[in-house]
Amino acid sequence: MAIESKASTTRQRKIDKSELIKDVEPYPDAYQKERAERFGVCQKAIWQALKKLGLTYKKTLRHLKGVMLISGVRGFGEGGVSC
């Protein structure tokens, strides 16, 4: 009796990454909850997708809600406030 391996398949995702990026561009200061409502998913799914894409939420004094920035990993002392 031999164990056979299953063919790997890619899971169907609810959030299309390219659509999420298109949503961030016109609405950089939208709350994750607002994005979740637009995509029909929970807020945690949006948080996880943004994290995987390297999109971070940076608070500034210019905007009430903040600004979404596409950035790499930043250390402390490089300016800005990290959440």
Protein backbone atom coordinates (compact mmCIF):
# COMPACT_ATOMS: atom_id res chain seq x y z
CA MET A 1 0.00 0.00 0.00
CA ALA A 2 1.76 3.14 -1.23
CA ILE A 3 0.91 6.69 -0.27
CA GLU A 4 0.23 8.83 -3.31
CA SER A 5 0.83 12.55 -3.27
CA LYS A 6 -1.94 14.87 -4.35
CA ALA A 7 -1.43 17.40 -7.12
CA SER A 8 -1.03 20.85 -5.64
CA THR A 9 -3.59 23.46 -6.58
CA THR A 10 -3.81 27.17 -5.90
CA ARG A 11 -6.58 28.15 -3.53
CA GLN A 12 -9.27 30.48 -4.82
CA ARG A 13 -8.89 33.81 -3.01
CA LYS A 14 -11.70 36.22 -2.22
CA ILE A 15 -9.57 39.32 -2.66
CA ASP A 16 -8.02 39.99 -6.05
CA LYS A 17 -4.66 41.62 -5.25
CA SER A 18 -4.65 43.79 -8.37
CA GLU A 19 -8.17 45.05 -7.54
CA LEU A 20 -7.04 45.83 -3.98
CA ILE A 21 -4.13 47.91 -5.31
CA LYS A 22 -6.55 49.72 -7.66
CA ASP A 23 -8.75 50.46 -4.63
CA VAL A 24 -5.86 51.86 -2.58
CA GLU A 25 -4.77 54.33 -5.27
CA PRO A 26 -7.96 56.46 -5.36
CA TYR A 27 -8.75 55.93 -1.64
CA PRO A 28 -5.38 55.98 0.18
CA ASP A 29 -6.91 57.05 3.50
CA ALA A 30 -9.86 54.62 3.58
CA TYR A 31 -10.33 52.51 6.68
CA GLN A 32 -9.80 48.76 6.35
CA LYS A 33 -13.43 48.29 7.40
CA GLU A 34 -14.55 50.43 4.43
CA ARG A 35 -12.42 48.37 2.04
CA ALA A 36 -13.79 45.16 3.55
CA GLU A 37 -17.35 46.30 2.83
CA ARG A 38 -16.43 47.10 -0.79
CA PHE A 39 -14.81 43.68 -1.28
CA GLY A 40 -17.40 41.71 0.71
CA VAL A 41 -14.87 40.29 3.18
CA CYS A 42 -13.97 40.84 6.83
CA GLN A 43 -11.55 43.54 7.98
CA LYS A 44 -8.91 40.95 8.95
CA ALA A 45 -8.82 39.64 5.36
CA ILE A 46 -8.07 43.18 4.13
CA TRP A 47 -5.38 43.60 6.80
CA GLN A 48 -3.72 40.34 5.80
CA ALA A 49 -3.85 41.16 2.07
CA LEU A 50 -2.40 44.65 2.62
CA LYS A 51 0.35 43.17 4.79
CA LYS A 52 1.27 40.60 2.11
CA LEU A 53 1.40 43.37 -0.50
CA GLY A 54 3.67 45.47 1.69
CA LEU A 55 1.13 48.28 2.04
CA THR A 56 1.36 50.01 5.40
CA TYR A 57 -0.88 52.52 7.13
CA LYS A 58 1.01 55.62 8.21
CA LYS A 59 -0.66 58.25 10.35
CA THR A 60 0.04 61.87 9.48
CA LEU A 61 -1.23 65.20 10.67
CA ARG A 62 -2.31 66.14 7.13
CA HIS A 63 -5.17 63.64 6.91
CA LEU A 64 -7.76 62.75 9.49
CA LYS A 65 -7.58 59.04 8.63
CA GLY A 66 -3.92 58.77 7.53
CA VAL A 67 -2.16 57.79 4.34
CA MET A 68 -1.50 54.38 2.77
CA LEU A 69 2.08 54.06 1.61
CA ILE A 70 3.71 51.39 -0.51
CA SER A 71 6.98 50.76 1.25
CA GLY A 72 9.49 48.17 2.22
CA VAL A 73 10.25 47.24 5.79
CA ARG A 74 11.31 50.35 7.66
CA GLY A 75 13.16 50.46 10.93
CA PHE A 76 12.68 52.83 13.78
CA GLY A 77 14.19 56.28 13.50
CA GLU A 78 13.64 56.57 9.75
CA GLY A 79 10.89 59.11 10.12
CA GLY A 80 7.13 58.75 10.39
CA VAL A 81 5.12 56.90 12.96
CA SER A 82 4.65 53.15 12.55
CA CYS A 83 1.45 51.47 13.64
